[in-house]
Amino acid sequence: MHGSHRRHRGRTKREYRAKPGTVPGAITVDPNAARPLIRVFGFGPTAYTEQEVTDLGCLEQFLETWPVTWVNVDGLGDAEVIHRIGAIFDLHGLALEDVTGVHQRPKVEHYDNNIFIVARMLQPGNRFDTEQLSIFLGHRFVLTFQETPGDCLDFIRDRIRKGLGRVRACGSDYLAYAILDAVVDAYFPPLEAFGEELEVLEDEILLKPTKQSVARVHVLKRNTLAIRRAIWPLREAVNGMLRDATPLISDDTRVYLRDCYDHTVQIIDFLENHREIASGLMDIYLSSTGNRLNEIMKVLTIISTIFIPLTFIAGVYGMNFHTDISPWNMPELTWYWGYPFFWLFNTAIAAAMLYYFWRLGWILTSWTRPPEDPRRHSNENKDNP
């Protein structure tokens, strides 16, 4: 796991941007972008059709035939295709420029005959990498542009195919809401797994903090910021759709948009809680390492303190005074029991000091009392306010 975090940190996504001074409204595509794959859905209350489009001319027929047309474009690597689609649906050049400039923040822009919505969608198979999803809501049509194939919208396609829910019975505004709601709801499972990972990391830091734990905390904090940058502006964008009056969004759909707005608020609450926990983990790590260092220094200090008198005694009797010259020159050296008495006396001093330190509570406390989980006290306080 730690190695995967290091690899993830070294992998930076570089966003292609148009050169400074480019004419406003010019469509500039990334040469490394995927070629567009276009799939169109046409549906009404009683029927539907879907088709993979190779000839863009059939899009006008869909608009004339079906009550709602959904055109999904996977890949932004062909400026001509994007320009032709913009001409068919009468899209503003500045909006098409934002479609190919995938560094946009989530937003909502109103034009004469459509609404342009930008959202950040989680990429399949990756919990925290996002891609830009551009949505055009018009009268009887919805256009979606995404950077790569694969998304969280398959269940909407299944609902269209099987006639489930309200999507086929409602207009294009409800389809746009359903797409936005699917993008927002896709953030919940990663955030729940994120919270579980934080709990595991908290236990690890409390019991055995390591440098790898600090690295994982930094990775989690960075991932939190990545989702926060995607969700905060999206909340304001959805709120703008609720606040601004437009004939393209019915009153019935606004009720559902309020629910979508509530989901964005819930995600932001999750993010703030996770961010506070991740920041607190750094304090816990510093406190744990500081406590461990204090314990180590205490043990070393106690050992040094015990050996100070022992070293003094050993030094005195190692001065090599000769007892033949004077009876006062260490007569113990000639005593028959001098050597055993020396060891017995030193052992008694060490044992007495250990007992004294134990009575002060400086040592061996962890042997007589098991460690307590600090979170137990917080749970007891919650149960007994």
Protein backbone atom coordinates (compact mmCIF):
# COMPACT_ATOMS: atom_id res chain seq x y z
CA MET A 1 0.00 0.00 0.00
CA HIS A 2 2.77 2.40 0.91
CA GLY A 3 4.51 1.82 -2.39
CA SER A 4 1.33 2.48 -4.34
CA HIS A 5 0.98 5.80 -2.50
CA ARG A 6 4.50 6.75 -3.50
CA ARG A 7 3.82 5.86 -7.11
CA HIS A 8 0.60 7.84 -7.04
CA ARG A 9 2.38 10.88 -5.67
CA GLY A 10 4.93 10.81 -8.46
CA ARG A 11 2.27 10.61 -11.15
CA THR A 12 1.05 14.12 -11.99
CA LYS A 13 -1.67 14.74 -14.54
CA ARG A 14 -0.68 17.56 -16.87
CA GLU A 15 -3.60 19.47 -18.32
CA TYR A 16 -3.39 20.72 -21.88
CA ARG A 17 -4.09 24.42 -22.21
CA ALA A 18 -4.45 26.67 -25.21
CA LYS A 19 -1.54 28.98 -25.98
CA PRO A 20 -1.74 32.52 -24.58
CA GLY A 21 -3.37 34.91 -27.04
CA THR A 22 -5.60 32.29 -28.66
CA VAL A 23 -8.76 33.79 -30.16
CA PRO A 24 -11.73 33.48 -27.74
CA GLY A 25 -14.03 30.67 -28.78
CA ALA A 26 -11.33 28.77 -30.66
CA ILE A 27 -11.49 24.99 -30.16
CA THR A 28 -8.06 23.70 -29.21
CA VAL A 29 -7.78 19.99 -28.51
CA ASP A 30 -5.06 18.04 -26.77
CA PRO A 31 -3.16 16.01 -29.40
CA ASN A 32 -3.01 13.13 -26.91
CA ALA A 33 -6.76 13.14 -26.22
CA ALA A 34 -8.89 10.13 -27.15
CA ARG A 35 -10.83 10.19 -30.42
CA PRO A 36 -14.56 10.90 -29.93
CA LEU A 37 -16.94 7.97 -29.59
CA ILE A 38 -20.52 9.20 -29.97
CA ARG A 39 -23.59 7.35 -28.72
CA VAL A 40 -27.03 8.86 -29.00
CA PHE A 41 -30.23 7.94 -27.14
CA GLY A 42 -33.64 9.00 -28.37
CA PHE A 43 -36.56 8.24 -26.09
CA GLY A 44 -40.08 9.07 -25.05
CA PRO A 45 -42.61 7.67 -22.58
CA THR A 46 -43.34 4.56 -24.66
CA ALA A 47 -40.24 3.89 -26.78
CA TYR A 48 -36.52 4.49 -27.10
CA THR A 49 -33.64 3.89 -29.46
CA GLU A 50 -29.89 4.10 -29.13
CA GLN A 51 -27.22 4.22 -31.77
CA GLU A 52 -23.49 4.62 -32.08
CA VAL A 53 -23.04 7.56 -34.41
CA THR A 54 -20.51 7.70 -37.23
CA ASP A 55 -22.43 10.20 -39.37
CA LEU A 56 -23.27 13.39 -37.48
CA GLY A 57 -26.05 14.18 -39.94
CA CYS A 58 -28.38 11.73 -38.17
CA LEU A 59 -28.39 13.88 -35.01
CA GLU A 60 -30.82 16.36 -36.58
CA GLN A 61 -33.18 13.48 -37.34
CA PHE A 62 -33.08 12.42 -33.70
CA LEU A 63 -33.94 15.97 -32.63
CA GLU A 64 -36.95 16.02 -34.94
CA THR A 65 -38.18 12.52 -34.08
CA TRP A 66 -37.79 11.97 -30.35
CA PRO A 67 -39.08 13.99 -27.39
CA VAL A 68 -35.66 13.80 -25.70
CA THR A 69 -32.27 13.21 -27.33
CA TRP A 70 -29.15 12.44 -25.33
CA VAL A 71 -25.84 12.66 -27.16
CA ASN A 72 -22.86 11.31 -25.22
CA VAL A 73 -19.38 12.09 -26.57
CA ASP A 74 -16.49 10.08 -25.09
CA GLY A 75 -13.17 11.66 -26.05
CA LEU A 76 -12.21 15.19 -27.08
CA GLY A 77 -9.48 14.51 -29.60
CA ASP A 78 -11.19 15.84 -32.78
CA ALA A 79 -11.86 19.57 -33.03
CA GLU A 80 -13.85 19.18 -36.26
CA VAL A 81 -16.34 16.77 -34.68
CA ILE A 82 -16.86 19.06 -31.68
CA HIS A 83 -17.30 22.06 -33.98
CA ARG A 84 -19.91 20.25 -36.10
CA ILE A 85 -21.86 19.13 -33.03
CA GLY A 86 -21.80 22.72 -31.79
CA ALA A 87 -23.22 23.89 -35.12
CA ILE A 88 -26.02 21.31 -35.09
CA PHE A 89 -27.14 22.23 -31.58
CA ASP A 90 -26.34 25.95 -31.88
CA LEU A 91 -23.81 26.00 -29.03
CA HIS A 92 -21.86 29.10 -28.14
CA GLY A 93 -18.20 29.16 -29.15
CA LEU A 94 -17.01 30.10 -25.66
CA ALA A 95 -18.81 27.07 -24.22
CA LEU A 96 -17.20 24.77 -26.78
CA GLU A 97 -13.83 26.26 -25.87
CA ASP A 98 -14.48 25.30 -22.24
CA VAL A 99 -15.44 21.78 -23.32
CA THR A 100 -11.97 21.14 -24.75
CA GLY A 101 -10.21 23.05 -21.97
CA VAL A 102 -10.63 20.35 -19.35
CA HIS A 103 -9.16 22.42 -16.53
CA GLN A 104 -12.48 24.20 -15.85
CA ARG A 105 -13.92 24.39 -12.35
CA PRO A 106 -17.56 23.26 -11.89
CA LYS A 107 -19.95 26.01 -12.99
CA VAL A 108 -23.26 26.81 -14.69
CA GLU A 109 -23.58 29.30 -17.57
CA HIS A 110 -26.85 30.35 -19.20
CA TYR A 111 -27.04 31.01 -22.95
CA ASP A 112 -29.95 31.97 -25.17
CA ASN A 113 -31.17 28.45 -25.98
CA ASN A 114 -29.25 26.17 -23.59
CA ILE A 115 -27.56 25.86 -20.21
CA PHE A 116 -23.90 24.88 -20.01
CA ILE A 117 -22.90 22.86 -16.93
CA VAL A 118 -19.40 21.75 -15.95
CA ALA A 119 -18.88 19.07 -13.28
CA ARG A 120 -15.94 16.99 -12.09
CA MET A 121 -16.68 13.26 -12.38
CA LEU A 122 -14.72 10.53 -10.61
CA GLN A 123 -12.87 8.27 -13.02
CA PRO A 124 -13.87 4.58 -12.85
CA GLY A 125 -11.39 2.46 -10.92
CA ASN A 126 -9.76 5.44 -9.22
CA ARG A 127 -11.14 6.85 -5.99
CA PHE A 128 -9.79 10.38 -6.22
CA ASP A 129 -8.89 11.23 -9.83
CA THR A 130 -11.55 13.26 -11.62
CA GLU A 131 -12.27 14.24 -15.19
CA GLN A 132 -14.32 17.06 -16.62
CA LEU A 133 -17.90 16.34 -17.61
CA SER A 134 -19.50 19.04 -19.78
CA ILE A 135 -23.31 19.05 -20.04
CA PHE A 136 -25.47 21.09 -22.38
CA LEU A 137 -29.15 21.25 -21.48
CA GLY A 138 -31.42 22.48 -24.20
CA HIS A 139 -35.01 22.15 -25.34
CA ARG A 140 -35.51 18.41 -25.93
CA PHE A 141 -31.80 17.53 -25.86
CA VAL A 142 -28.88 16.89 -23.52
CA LEU A 143 -25.26 16.76 -24.67
CA THR A 144 -22.50 15.32 -22.49
CA PHE A 145 -18.78 15.54 -23.26
CA GLN A 146 -16.25 13.59 -21.22
CA GLU A 147 -12.52 13.09 -21.56
CA THR A 148 -12.36 9.29 -21.71
CA PRO A 149 -14.79 6.36 -22.08
CA GLY A 150 -16.17 4.91 -18.87
CA ASP A 151 -18.33 6.73 -16.34
CA CYS A 152 -20.86 6.37 -13.53
CA LEU A 153 -23.87 6.86 -15.83
CA ASP A 154 -24.54 3.27 -16.92
CA PHE A 155 -27.50 2.85 -14.55
CA ILE A 156 -29.16 5.88 -16.21
CA ARG A 157 -28.73 4.22 -19.58
CA ASP A 158 -30.27 1.02 -18.18
CA ARG A 159 -33.22 2.99 -16.83
CA ILE A 160 -33.76 4.44 -20.30
CA ARG A 161 -33.53 1.03 -21.94
CA LYS A 162 -35.87 -0.68 -19.45
CA GLY A 163 -38.24 2.25 -18.92
CA LEU A 164 -37.60 2.36 -15.18
CA GLY A 165 -38.18 5.42 -13.05
CA ARG A 166 -39.22 8.81 -14.36
CA VAL A 167 -36.46 9.48 -16.85
CA ARG A 168 -38.39 8.46 -19.99
CA ALA A 169 -41.60 10.11 -18.83
CA CYS A 170 -39.94 13.49 -18.19
CA GLY A 171 -38.12 16.01 -20.29
CA SER A 172 -34.48 16.81 -20.95
CA ASP A 173 -34.20 18.82 -17.73
CA TYR A 174 -34.86 15.70 -15.63
CA LEU A 175 -32.23 13.79 -17.63
CA ALA A 176 -29.69 16.54 -16.90
CA TYR A 177 -30.63 16.33 -13.20
CA ALA A 178 -30.23 12.52 -13.24
CA ILE A 179 -26.75 12.86 -14.73
CA LEU A 180 -25.70 15.44 -12.15
CA ASP A 181 -27.17 13.36 -9.33
CA ALA A 182 -25.25 10.27 -10.51
CA VAL A 183 -22.00 12.28 -10.60
CA VAL A 184 -22.58 13.57 -7.06
CA ASP A 185 -23.67 10.21 -5.60
CA ALA A 186 -20.56 8.54 -7.02
CA TYR A 187 -18.52 10.41 -4.39
CA PHE A 188 -20.21 8.69 -1.44
CA PRO A 189 -18.64 5.17 -1.67
CA PRO A 190 -15.04 6.47 -1.89
CA LEU A 191 -15.65 8.83 1.02
CA GLU A 192 -17.03 5.99 3.17
CA ALA A 193 -13.97 3.87 2.37
CA PHE A 194 -11.86 6.95 3.07
CA GLY A 195 -13.37 7.23 6.55
CA GLU A 196 -12.66 3.55 7.28
CA GLU A 197 -9.06 4.03 6.17
CA LEU A 198 -8.75 6.98 8.53
CA GLU A 199 -9.95 4.83 11.44
CA VAL A 200 -7.39 2.11 10.65
CA LEU A 201 -4.66 4.71 10.35
CA GLU A 202 -5.70 6.29 13.65
CA ASP A 203 -5.34 2.94 15.44
CA GLU A 204 -1.97 2.40 13.80
CA ILE A 205 -0.67 5.80 14.87
CA LEU A 206 -1.94 5.33 18.43
CA LEU A 207 -0.36 1.89 18.82
CA LYS A 208 2.79 2.01 16.67
CA PRO A 209 3.46 5.26 14.76
CA THR A 210 5.92 5.06 11.87
CA LYS A 211 7.21 7.35 9.13
CA GLN A 212 5.02 5.47 6.66
CA SER A 213 2.01 6.50 8.74
CA VAL A 214 2.92 10.17 8.24
CA ALA A 215 3.23 9.64 4.49
CA ARG A 216 -0.21 8.03 4.37
CA VAL A 217 -1.70 10.93 6.33
CA HIS A 218 -0.30 13.39 3.77
CA VAL A 219 -1.70 11.31 0.90
CA LEU A 220 -5.14 11.25 2.51
CA LYS A 221 -5.09 15.00 3.11
CA ARG A 222 -4.14 15.65 -0.50
CA ASN A 223 -6.94 13.37 -1.75
CA THR A 224 -9.38 15.23 0.50
CA LEU A 225 -8.35 18.53 -1.06
CA ALA A 226 -8.75 17.06 -4.57
CA ILE A 227 -12.37 16.08 -3.89
CA ARG A 228 -13.01 19.37 -2.11
CA ARG A 229 -11.93 21.34 -5.19
CA ALA A 230 -14.41 19.33 -7.25
CA ILE A 231 -17.41 19.49 -4.89
CA TRP A 232 -17.36 23.02 -3.45
CA PRO A 233 -17.89 24.79 -6.81
CA LEU A 234 -20.41 22.13 -7.86
CA ARG A 235 -22.54 22.98 -4.85
CA GLU A 236 -22.67 26.60 -5.95
CA ALA A 237 -23.42 25.54 -9.53
CA VAL A 238 -26.40 23.42 -8.48
CA ASN A 239 -27.59 26.22 -6.24
CA GLY A 240 -27.39 28.57 -9.24
CA MET A 241 -29.64 26.24 -11.24
CA LEU A 242 -32.14 26.36 -8.39
CA ARG A 243 -31.94 30.10 -7.95
CA ASP A 244 -31.95 31.35 -11.55
CA ALA A 245 -35.30 31.22 -13.33
CA THR A 246 -35.15 29.61 -16.77
CA PRO A 247 -37.81 27.96 -18.95
CA LEU A 248 -35.44 25.03 -19.60
CA ILE A 249 -35.89 23.74 -16.02
CA SER A 250 -39.41 22.95 -14.81
CA ASP A 251 -40.65 23.42 -11.28
CA ASP A 252 -40.94 19.64 -10.84
CA THR A 253 -37.29 19.16 -11.71
CA ARG A 254 -36.24 21.91 -9.30
CA VAL A 255 -37.58 19.76 -6.47
CA TYR A 256 -35.15 17.01 -7.48
CA LEU A 257 -32.33 19.51 -7.90
CA ARG A 258 -32.83 20.51 -4.27
CA ASP A 259 -32.16 16.90 -3.32
CA CYS A 260 -29.01 16.95 -5.45
CA TYR A 261 -27.93 20.13 -3.68
CA ASP A 262 -28.47 18.44 -0.30
CA HIS A 263 -26.20 15.60 -1.42
CA THR A 264 -23.42 18.04 -2.26
CA VAL A 265 -23.79 19.58 1.19
CA GLN A 266 -23.54 16.12 2.79
CA ILE A 267 -20.37 15.37 0.84
CA ILE A 268 -18.84 18.65 1.96
CA ASP A 269 -19.69 17.78 5.57
CA PHE A 270 -17.97 14.40 5.11
CA LEU A 271 -14.94 16.12 3.62
CA GLU A 272 -14.66 18.63 6.44
CA ASN A 273 -14.92 15.88 9.05
CA HIS A 274 -12.34 13.74 7.28
CA ARG A 275 -10.05 16.71 6.87
CA GLU A 276 -10.22 17.55 10.57
CA ILE A 277 -9.51 13.90 11.46
CA ALA A 278 -6.55 13.78 9.06
CA SER A 279 -5.16 16.99 10.54
CA GLY A 280 -5.69 15.60 14.03
CA LEU A 281 -3.78 12.46 13.08
CA MET A 282 -0.66 14.54 12.61
CA ASP A 283 -1.05 15.91 16.14
CA ILE A 284 -1.61 12.38 17.44
CA TYR A 285 1.51 11.20 15.63
CA LEU A 286 3.64 14.01 17.06
CA SER A 287 2.21 13.37 20.52
CA SER A 288 2.80 9.60 20.26
CA THR A 289 6.36 9.97 19.03
CA GLY A 290 7.02 12.57 21.74
CA ASN A 291 5.67 10.22 24.40
CA ARG A 292 7.77 7.35 23.08
CA LEU A 293 10.84 9.57 23.13
CA ASN A 294 10.07 10.59 26.70
CA GLU A 295 9.72 6.96 27.74
CA ILE A 296 13.03 6.09 26.10
CA MET A 297 14.78 9.04 27.72
CA LYS A 298 13.27 8.11 31.09
CA VAL A 299 14.56 4.54 30.85
CA LEU A 300 18.01 5.71 29.81
CA THR A 301 18.06 8.28 32.60
CA ILE A 302 17.07 5.67 35.20
CA ILE A 303 19.78 3.29 33.96
CA SER A 304 22.35 6.08 34.10
CA THR A 305 21.20 7.08 37.59
CA ILE A 306 21.53 3.52 38.89
CA PHE A 307 25.04 3.16 37.48
CA ILE A 308 26.30 6.44 38.89
CA PRO A 309 26.89 5.11 42.47
CA LEU A 310 28.03 1.77 41.10
CA THR A 311 30.56 3.48 38.90
CA PHE A 312 31.72 5.58 41.83
CA ILE A 313 32.32 2.51 44.01
CA ALA A 314 34.05 0.64 41.20
CA GLY A 315 36.24 3.68 40.57
CA VAL A 316 37.25 3.96 44.21
CA TYR A 317 38.31 0.34 44.42
CA GLY A 318 40.11 0.53 41.14
CA MET A 319 42.70 3.12 42.30
CA ASN A 320 45.32 0.43 43.10
CA PHE A 321 46.46 1.67 46.54
CA HIS A 322 48.94 -0.74 48.12
CA THR A 323 47.97 -2.15 51.53
CA ASP A 324 51.62 -2.97 52.42
CA ILE A 325 52.50 0.73 52.58
CA SER A 326 49.65 1.78 54.88
CA PRO A 327 46.81 -0.07 56.62
CA TRP A 328 44.55 2.75 55.50
CA ASN A 329 45.17 2.04 51.80
CA MET A 330 42.03 0.03 51.10
CA PRO A 331 42.19 -2.73 53.69
CA GLU A 332 39.12 -4.28 52.02
CA LEU A 333 41.36 -5.46 49.20
CA THR A 334 42.92 -8.02 51.53
CA TRP A 335 39.66 -9.11 53.12
CA TYR A 336 38.71 -12.73 52.35
CA TRP A 337 35.05 -11.84 51.55
CA GLY A 338 35.81 -8.50 49.90
CA TYR A 339 34.91 -9.42 46.32
CA PRO A 340 31.51 -11.09 47.12
CA PHE A 341 30.71 -8.21 49.48
CA PHE A 342 31.44 -5.72 46.67
CA TRP A 343 28.88 -7.41 44.37
CA LEU A 344 26.33 -7.84 47.11
CA PHE A 345 26.63 -4.20 48.11
CA ASN A 346 26.27 -2.97 44.50
CA THR A 347 23.26 -5.23 43.91
CA ALA A 348 21.58 -3.94 47.04
CA ILE A 349 22.12 -0.34 45.94
CA ALA A 350 20.66 -1.02 42.45
CA ALA A 351 17.66 -2.89 43.91
CA ALA A 352 16.98 -0.13 46.41
CA MET A 353 17.05 2.53 43.70
CA LEU A 354 14.75 0.47 41.44
CA TYR A 355 12.29 0.04 44.31
CA TYR A 356 12.40 3.76 45.05
CA PHE A 357 11.76 4.65 41.39
CA TRP A 358 8.91 2.16 41.25
CA ARG A 359 7.28 3.69 44.33
CA LEU A 360 7.49 7.09 42.58
CA GLY A 361 5.70 5.59 39.56
CA TRP A 362 8.57 6.18 37.17
CA ILE A 363 9.08 2.62 35.99
CA LEU A 364 7.20 -0.65 35.46
CA THR A 365 3.78 1.06 35.46
CA SER A 366 2.92 -0.49 32.10
CA TRP A 367 3.58 -3.96 33.59
CA THR A 368 1.08 -3.57 36.39
CA ARG A 369 -1.67 -1.71 34.48
CA PRO A 370 -2.72 -2.35 30.84
CA PRO A 371 -2.70 0.66 28.50
CA GLU A 372 -6.00 2.45 28.08
CA ASP A 373 -7.57 3.51 24.80
CA PRO A 374 -8.05 7.30 24.94
CA ARG A 375 -11.07 7.02 22.66
CA ARG A 376 -12.89 5.01 25.36
CA HIS A 377 -13.17 8.12 27.53
CA SER A 378 -14.66 10.13 24.68
CA ASN A 379 -17.27 7.41 24.08
CA GLU A 380 -18.12 7.37 27.80
CA ASN A 381 -18.55 11.13 27.76
CA LYS A 382 -20.94 10.81 24.83
CA ASP A 383 -22.99 8.18 26.65
CA ASN A 384 -23.03 10.21 29.90
CA PRO A 385 -23.47 13.90 28.98
